[in-house]
N, C-alpha and C. Protein backbone atom coordinates (compact mmCIF):
# COMPACT_ATOMS: atom_id res chain seq x y z
N MET A 1 101.08 91.48 71.96
CA MET A 1 102.25 91.64 71.13
C MET A 1 103.20 92.62 71.82
N TYR A 2 104.45 92.27 71.94
CA TYR A 2 105.46 93.10 72.58
C TYR A 2 106.60 93.35 71.62
N LYS A 3 107.33 94.42 71.88
CA LYS A 3 108.62 94.58 71.21
C LYS A 3 109.59 93.66 71.94
N ILE A 4 110.22 92.78 71.23
CA ILE A 4 111.08 91.76 71.85
C ILE A 4 112.27 92.37 72.58
N ALA A 5 112.84 93.43 72.07
CA ALA A 5 114.01 94.04 72.70
C ALA A 5 113.62 95.12 73.70
N SER A 6 112.42 95.06 74.22
CA SER A 6 112.01 96.10 75.17
C SER A 6 112.39 95.69 76.59
N ALA A 7 112.59 96.69 77.42
CA ALA A 7 112.99 96.45 78.80
C ALA A 7 111.93 95.66 79.55
N ASN A 8 110.66 95.96 79.30
CA ASN A 8 109.60 95.25 80.02
C ASN A 8 109.51 93.79 79.60
N PHE A 9 109.78 93.49 78.33
CA PHE A 9 109.75 92.11 77.87
C PHE A 9 110.87 91.30 78.54
N VAL A 10 112.05 91.87 78.60
CA VAL A 10 113.18 91.19 79.24
C VAL A 10 112.89 90.97 80.72
N SER A 11 112.32 91.98 81.37
CA SER A 11 111.97 91.86 82.78
C SER A 11 110.91 90.78 82.99
N ASP A 12 109.90 90.74 82.13
CA ASP A 12 108.88 89.68 82.20
C ASP A 12 109.50 88.30 82.03
N LEU A 13 110.38 88.18 81.06
CA LEU A 13 110.99 86.89 80.76
C LEU A 13 111.85 86.40 81.94
N LEU A 14 112.68 87.28 82.48
CA LEU A 14 113.52 86.89 83.62
C LEU A 14 112.66 86.58 84.84
N GLY A 15 111.60 87.37 85.05
CA GLY A 15 110.70 87.10 86.17
C GLY A 15 110.01 85.76 86.03
N THR A 16 109.62 85.41 84.82
CA THR A 16 108.97 84.12 84.58
C THR A 16 109.94 82.97 84.85
N ILE A 17 111.17 83.15 84.44
CA ILE A 17 112.18 82.11 84.72
C ILE A 17 112.35 81.94 86.23
N ASP A 18 112.45 83.07 86.95
CA ASP A 18 112.59 82.99 88.41
C ASP A 18 111.36 82.40 89.07
N LEU A 19 110.17 82.75 88.58
CA LEU A 19 108.93 82.24 89.15
C LEU A 19 108.81 80.73 88.97
N LEU A 20 109.17 80.24 87.79
CA LEU A 20 108.99 78.81 87.49
C LEU A 20 110.14 77.93 87.96
N TRP A 21 111.24 78.54 88.39
CA TRP A 21 112.41 77.76 88.79
C TRP A 21 112.10 76.74 89.90
N PRO A 22 111.30 77.08 90.93
CA PRO A 22 110.98 76.06 91.94
C PRO A 22 110.27 74.84 91.36
N ILE A 23 109.44 75.04 90.34
CA ILE A 23 108.77 73.90 89.70
C ILE A 23 109.79 73.05 88.95
N VAL A 24 110.73 73.69 88.28
CA VAL A 24 111.79 72.96 87.58
C VAL A 24 112.57 72.10 88.57
N LEU A 25 112.94 72.70 89.71
CA LEU A 25 113.68 71.95 90.73
C LEU A 25 112.85 70.79 91.28
N LEU A 26 111.56 71.01 91.46
CA LEU A 26 110.68 69.95 91.93
C LEU A 26 110.66 68.80 90.94
N MET A 27 110.57 69.11 89.66
CA MET A 27 110.54 68.07 88.64
C MET A 27 111.87 67.31 88.59
N ILE A 28 112.97 68.04 88.69
CA ILE A 28 114.28 67.39 88.67
C ILE A 28 114.44 66.47 89.88
N ARG A 29 114.03 66.99 91.04
CA ARG A 29 114.16 66.18 92.26
C ARG A 29 113.30 64.93 92.16
N ALA A 30 112.10 65.06 91.62
CA ALA A 30 111.22 63.89 91.48
C ALA A 30 111.83 62.86 90.52
N GLN A 31 112.46 63.35 89.46
CA GLN A 31 113.11 62.42 88.53
C GLN A 31 114.29 61.71 89.18
N LEU A 32 115.06 62.45 89.95
CA LEU A 32 116.21 61.84 90.62
C LEU A 32 115.78 60.80 91.64
N GLU A 33 114.65 61.04 92.28
CA GLU A 33 114.14 60.12 93.30
C GLU A 33 113.25 59.03 92.70
N TRP A 34 113.02 59.08 91.40
CA TRP A 34 112.09 58.17 90.72
C TRP A 34 110.73 58.22 91.40
N CYS A 35 110.26 59.42 91.63
CA CYS A 35 109.02 59.61 92.35
C CYS A 35 108.13 60.60 91.60
N PRO A 36 106.89 60.22 91.25
CA PRO A 36 106.00 61.18 90.61
C PRO A 36 105.73 62.37 91.54
N VAL A 37 105.56 63.53 90.96
CA VAL A 37 105.38 64.75 91.75
C VAL A 37 104.19 64.64 92.69
N TRP A 38 103.08 64.04 92.25
CA TRP A 38 101.90 63.97 93.08
C TRP A 38 102.07 63.07 94.31
N LYS A 39 103.17 62.30 94.35
CA LYS A 39 103.44 61.46 95.51
C LYS A 39 104.37 62.15 96.50
N SER A 40 104.62 63.41 96.26
CA SER A 40 105.53 64.14 97.16
C SER A 40 104.89 65.46 97.61
N PRO A 41 103.80 65.40 98.38
CA PRO A 41 103.10 66.62 98.78
C PRO A 41 103.94 67.58 99.62
N SER A 42 104.91 67.07 100.35
CA SER A 42 105.74 67.98 101.15
C SER A 42 106.59 68.87 100.24
N TRP A 43 107.01 68.36 99.11
CA TRP A 43 107.76 69.17 98.15
C TRP A 43 106.87 70.24 97.54
N ILE A 44 105.62 69.86 97.25
CA ILE A 44 104.68 70.80 96.63
C ILE A 44 104.41 71.97 97.56
N SER A 45 104.29 71.72 98.85
CA SER A 45 104.06 72.82 99.79
C SER A 45 105.27 73.75 99.84
N LEU A 46 106.46 73.22 99.66
CA LEU A 46 107.66 74.08 99.61
C LEU A 46 107.62 74.98 98.38
N VAL A 47 107.19 74.44 97.25
CA VAL A 47 107.07 75.24 96.03
C VAL A 47 106.02 76.34 96.24
N GLU A 48 104.92 76.00 96.88
CA GLU A 48 103.88 76.99 97.15
C GLU A 48 104.43 78.12 98.04
N GLN A 49 105.22 77.78 99.04
CA GLN A 49 105.84 78.80 99.89
C GLN A 49 106.77 79.69 99.07
N LYS A 50 107.52 79.09 98.16
CA LYS A 50 108.42 79.88 97.31
C LYS A 50 107.65 80.83 96.41
N PHE A 51 106.48 80.40 95.91
CA PHE A 51 105.63 81.28 95.09
C PHE A 51 105.18 82.50 95.89
N HIS A 52 104.75 82.27 97.13
CA HIS A 52 104.31 83.38 97.96
C HIS A 52 105.46 84.33 98.26
N HIS A 53 106.62 83.77 98.52
CA HIS A 53 107.80 84.59 98.78
C HIS A 53 108.18 85.38 97.53
N PHE A 54 108.11 84.74 96.37
CA PHE A 54 108.41 85.40 95.11
C PHE A 54 107.48 86.59 94.88
N ALA A 55 106.19 86.41 95.15
CA ALA A 55 105.20 87.46 94.93
C ALA A 55 105.53 88.71 95.74
N CYS A 56 106.08 88.54 96.93
CA CYS A 56 106.50 89.70 97.75
C CYS A 56 107.82 90.26 97.27
N GLU A 57 108.74 89.40 96.96
CA GLU A 57 110.11 89.82 96.62
C GLU A 57 110.20 90.52 95.27
N VAL A 58 109.42 90.09 94.29
CA VAL A 58 109.53 90.62 92.94
C VAL A 58 109.13 92.09 92.88
N LYS A 59 108.36 92.57 93.83
CA LYS A 59 107.91 93.96 93.85
C LYS A 59 108.97 94.93 94.36
N LYS A 60 110.02 94.40 94.95
CA LYS A 60 111.07 95.25 95.49
C LYS A 60 111.91 95.86 94.38
N THR A 61 112.59 96.95 94.69
CA THR A 61 113.43 97.63 93.70
C THR A 61 114.48 96.68 93.15
N VAL A 62 115.16 95.98 94.04
CA VAL A 62 116.11 94.94 93.62
C VAL A 62 115.74 93.68 94.40
N PRO A 63 115.11 92.72 93.76
CA PRO A 63 114.70 91.49 94.46
C PRO A 63 115.90 90.71 94.99
N ALA A 64 115.67 89.95 96.04
CA ALA A 64 116.74 89.16 96.66
C ALA A 64 117.25 88.10 95.69
N LYS A 65 118.54 87.90 95.70
CA LYS A 65 119.17 86.92 94.82
C LYS A 65 118.67 85.50 95.11
N SER A 66 118.38 85.21 96.37
CA SER A 66 117.94 83.86 96.74
C SER A 66 116.58 83.52 96.16
N THR A 67 115.76 84.52 95.89
CA THR A 67 114.41 84.29 95.36
C THR A 67 114.31 84.57 93.87
N CYS A 68 114.96 85.63 93.43
CA CYS A 68 114.85 86.07 92.04
C CYS A 68 116.25 86.21 91.44
N LEU A 69 116.88 85.10 91.22
CA LEU A 69 118.27 85.08 90.77
C LEU A 69 118.49 85.91 89.50
N HIS A 70 117.67 85.71 88.49
CA HIS A 70 117.87 86.39 87.21
C HIS A 70 117.49 87.87 87.27
N LEU A 71 116.37 88.18 87.91
CA LEU A 71 115.98 89.59 88.06
C LEU A 71 117.00 90.35 88.89
N HIS A 72 117.47 89.72 89.97
CA HIS A 72 118.47 90.36 90.83
C HIS A 72 119.74 90.69 90.04
N ALA A 73 120.16 89.76 89.22
CA ALA A 73 121.40 89.94 88.47
C ALA A 73 121.30 91.03 87.40
N HIS A 74 120.11 91.28 86.87
CA HIS A 74 119.98 92.18 85.72
C HIS A 74 119.10 93.40 85.95
N GLU A 75 118.55 93.55 87.15
CA GLU A 75 117.61 94.65 87.42
C GLU A 75 118.20 96.02 87.12
N GLU A 76 119.40 96.25 87.59
CA GLU A 76 120.02 97.57 87.40
C GLU A 76 120.34 97.84 85.92
N SER A 77 120.85 96.84 85.22
CA SER A 77 121.17 97.06 83.81
C SER A 77 119.90 97.26 82.98
N ILE A 78 118.80 96.58 83.34
CA ILE A 78 117.54 96.76 82.62
C ILE A 78 117.05 98.20 82.80
N LYS A 79 117.19 98.73 84.01
CA LYS A 79 116.80 100.13 84.27
C LYS A 79 117.62 101.09 83.43
N GLU A 80 118.84 100.70 83.11
CA GLU A 80 119.72 101.52 82.26
C GLU A 80 119.53 101.18 80.79
N MET A 81 118.48 100.40 80.49
CA MET A 81 118.10 100.03 79.12
C MET A 81 119.18 99.20 78.42
N LYS A 82 119.78 98.28 79.17
CA LYS A 82 120.78 97.34 78.64
C LYS A 82 120.47 95.94 79.16
N TYR A 83 120.81 94.96 78.35
CA TYR A 83 120.76 93.57 78.79
C TYR A 83 121.81 92.80 78.01
N GLU A 84 122.81 92.30 78.72
CA GLU A 84 123.88 91.51 78.09
C GLU A 84 124.43 92.22 76.85
N ASN A 85 124.79 93.47 77.00
CA ASN A 85 125.37 94.30 75.93
C ASN A 85 124.42 94.58 74.77
N VAL A 86 123.14 94.42 74.99
CA VAL A 86 122.13 94.74 73.98
C VAL A 86 121.37 95.97 74.46
N ASP A 87 121.24 96.97 73.59
CA ASP A 87 120.45 98.15 73.92
C ASP A 87 118.98 97.78 73.89
N LEU A 88 118.28 98.14 74.95
CA LEU A 88 116.85 97.87 75.03
C LEU A 88 116.06 99.11 74.62
N VAL A 89 114.85 98.91 74.20
CA VAL A 89 113.96 100.01 73.83
C VAL A 89 112.81 100.06 74.83
N GLU A 90 112.04 101.14 74.77
CA GLU A 90 110.87 101.24 75.64
C GLU A 90 109.84 100.22 75.20
N GLY A 91 109.12 99.69 76.16
CA GLY A 91 108.15 98.65 75.87
C GLY A 91 106.78 99.20 75.53
N TRP A 92 106.16 98.57 74.58
CA TRP A 92 104.80 98.93 74.17
C TRP A 92 103.99 97.66 74.08
N VAL A 93 102.74 97.75 74.44
CA VAL A 93 101.85 96.59 74.38
C VAL A 93 100.56 97.01 73.69
N ILE A 94 100.04 96.12 72.86
CA ILE A 94 98.77 96.38 72.19
C ILE A 94 97.65 96.19 73.20
N VAL A 95 96.81 97.21 73.37
CA VAL A 95 95.70 97.11 74.31
C VAL A 95 94.35 97.02 73.61
N GLU A 96 94.34 97.30 72.30
CA GLU A 96 93.08 97.23 71.56
C GLU A 96 93.37 96.95 70.10
N ASP A 97 92.58 96.07 69.53
CA ASP A 97 92.69 95.73 68.11
C ASP A 97 91.36 96.09 67.46
N ASN A 98 91.36 97.13 66.66
CA ASN A 98 90.14 97.62 66.03
C ASN A 98 90.11 97.16 64.57
N LYS A 99 89.73 95.92 64.35
CA LYS A 99 89.72 95.35 63.00
C LYS A 99 88.71 96.04 62.09
N GLN A 100 87.58 96.47 62.63
CA GLN A 100 86.56 97.11 61.81
C GLN A 100 87.08 98.42 61.21
N ALA A 101 87.91 99.15 61.93
CA ALA A 101 88.40 100.43 61.43
C ALA A 101 89.28 100.26 60.20
N THR A 102 89.93 99.11 60.08
CA THR A 102 90.86 98.92 58.96
C THR A 102 90.27 98.06 57.85
N SER A 103 89.12 97.42 58.10
CA SER A 103 88.59 96.54 57.06
C SER A 103 88.22 97.32 55.80
N SER A 104 87.79 98.57 55.98
CA SER A 104 87.47 99.37 54.80
C SER A 104 88.68 100.16 54.30
N LYS A 105 89.71 100.26 55.13
CA LYS A 105 90.91 101.01 54.75
C LYS A 105 92.15 100.14 54.99
N PRO A 106 92.41 99.17 54.16
CA PRO A 106 93.56 98.30 54.40
C PRO A 106 94.91 98.99 54.24
N ALA A 107 94.93 100.19 53.70
CA ALA A 107 96.20 100.88 53.48
C ALA A 107 96.75 101.52 54.77
N GLN A 108 95.98 101.52 55.87
CA GLN A 108 96.42 102.16 57.11
C GLN A 108 96.46 101.16 58.27
N PRO A 109 97.33 100.17 58.23
CA PRO A 109 97.35 99.14 59.28
C PRO A 109 97.81 99.68 60.64
N LEU A 110 98.57 100.77 60.68
CA LEU A 110 99.04 101.30 61.95
C LEU A 110 97.90 101.85 62.80
N ASN A 111 96.82 102.27 62.18
CA ASN A 111 95.67 102.79 62.92
C ASN A 111 94.80 101.68 63.50
N ARG A 112 95.10 100.46 63.16
CA ARG A 112 94.31 99.33 63.63
C ARG A 112 94.49 99.09 65.12
N PHE A 113 95.68 99.31 65.64
CA PHE A 113 96.01 98.97 67.02
C PHE A 113 96.10 100.20 67.90
N LYS A 114 95.72 100.01 69.16
CA LYS A 114 95.95 101.04 70.18
C LYS A 114 97.07 100.50 71.07
N TRP A 115 98.12 101.29 71.22
CA TRP A 115 99.30 100.88 71.97
C TRP A 115 99.39 101.69 73.26
N ASN A 116 99.90 101.07 74.31
CA ASN A 116 100.24 101.77 75.55
C ASN A 116 101.69 101.48 75.88
N GLN A 117 102.37 102.51 76.36
CA GLN A 117 103.74 102.28 76.80
C GLN A 117 103.69 101.48 78.10
N ARG A 118 104.61 100.56 78.24
CA ARG A 118 104.66 99.69 79.42
C ARG A 118 106.03 99.78 80.04
N GLU A 119 106.05 100.16 81.30
CA GLU A 119 107.30 100.29 82.04
C GLU A 119 107.65 98.98 82.75
N VAL A 120 108.91 98.87 83.17
CA VAL A 120 109.35 97.68 83.88
C VAL A 120 108.53 97.50 85.16
N ASP A 121 108.19 98.60 85.84
CA ASP A 121 107.39 98.49 87.06
C ASP A 121 106.02 97.89 86.80
N ASP A 122 105.49 98.04 85.58
CA ASP A 122 104.21 97.44 85.23
C ASP A 122 104.30 95.92 85.26
N CYS A 123 105.47 95.38 85.00
CA CYS A 123 105.67 93.93 85.03
C CYS A 123 105.50 93.39 86.45
N LYS A 124 105.92 94.19 87.40
CA LYS A 124 105.87 93.75 88.78
C LYS A 124 104.47 93.78 89.31
């Protein structure tokens, strides 16, 4: 569970879009060529190369635009806790769910979860 308006969630989302973009292009190209993806192994190897390149590039302070279009465009604003004129909050992620602790005390649901703060660098 994440806070939706958190900087780390936005960074994860943009990174996922950038990561999956080569697959989207592969699917579009296959549709345009009327060719099933499994009949185009040379295209698949290109996508694999892009994945490896992405894995290296995403760790950089500002990833290259050619590899990480969305992260590149918004990396600096996310660090300033903004995204498209929306104020972002610090990210938190649930790391433990202690259902037994609350089963006898249903009036204290906040004690059920253990949260850790998650920074944008944790996404990388």
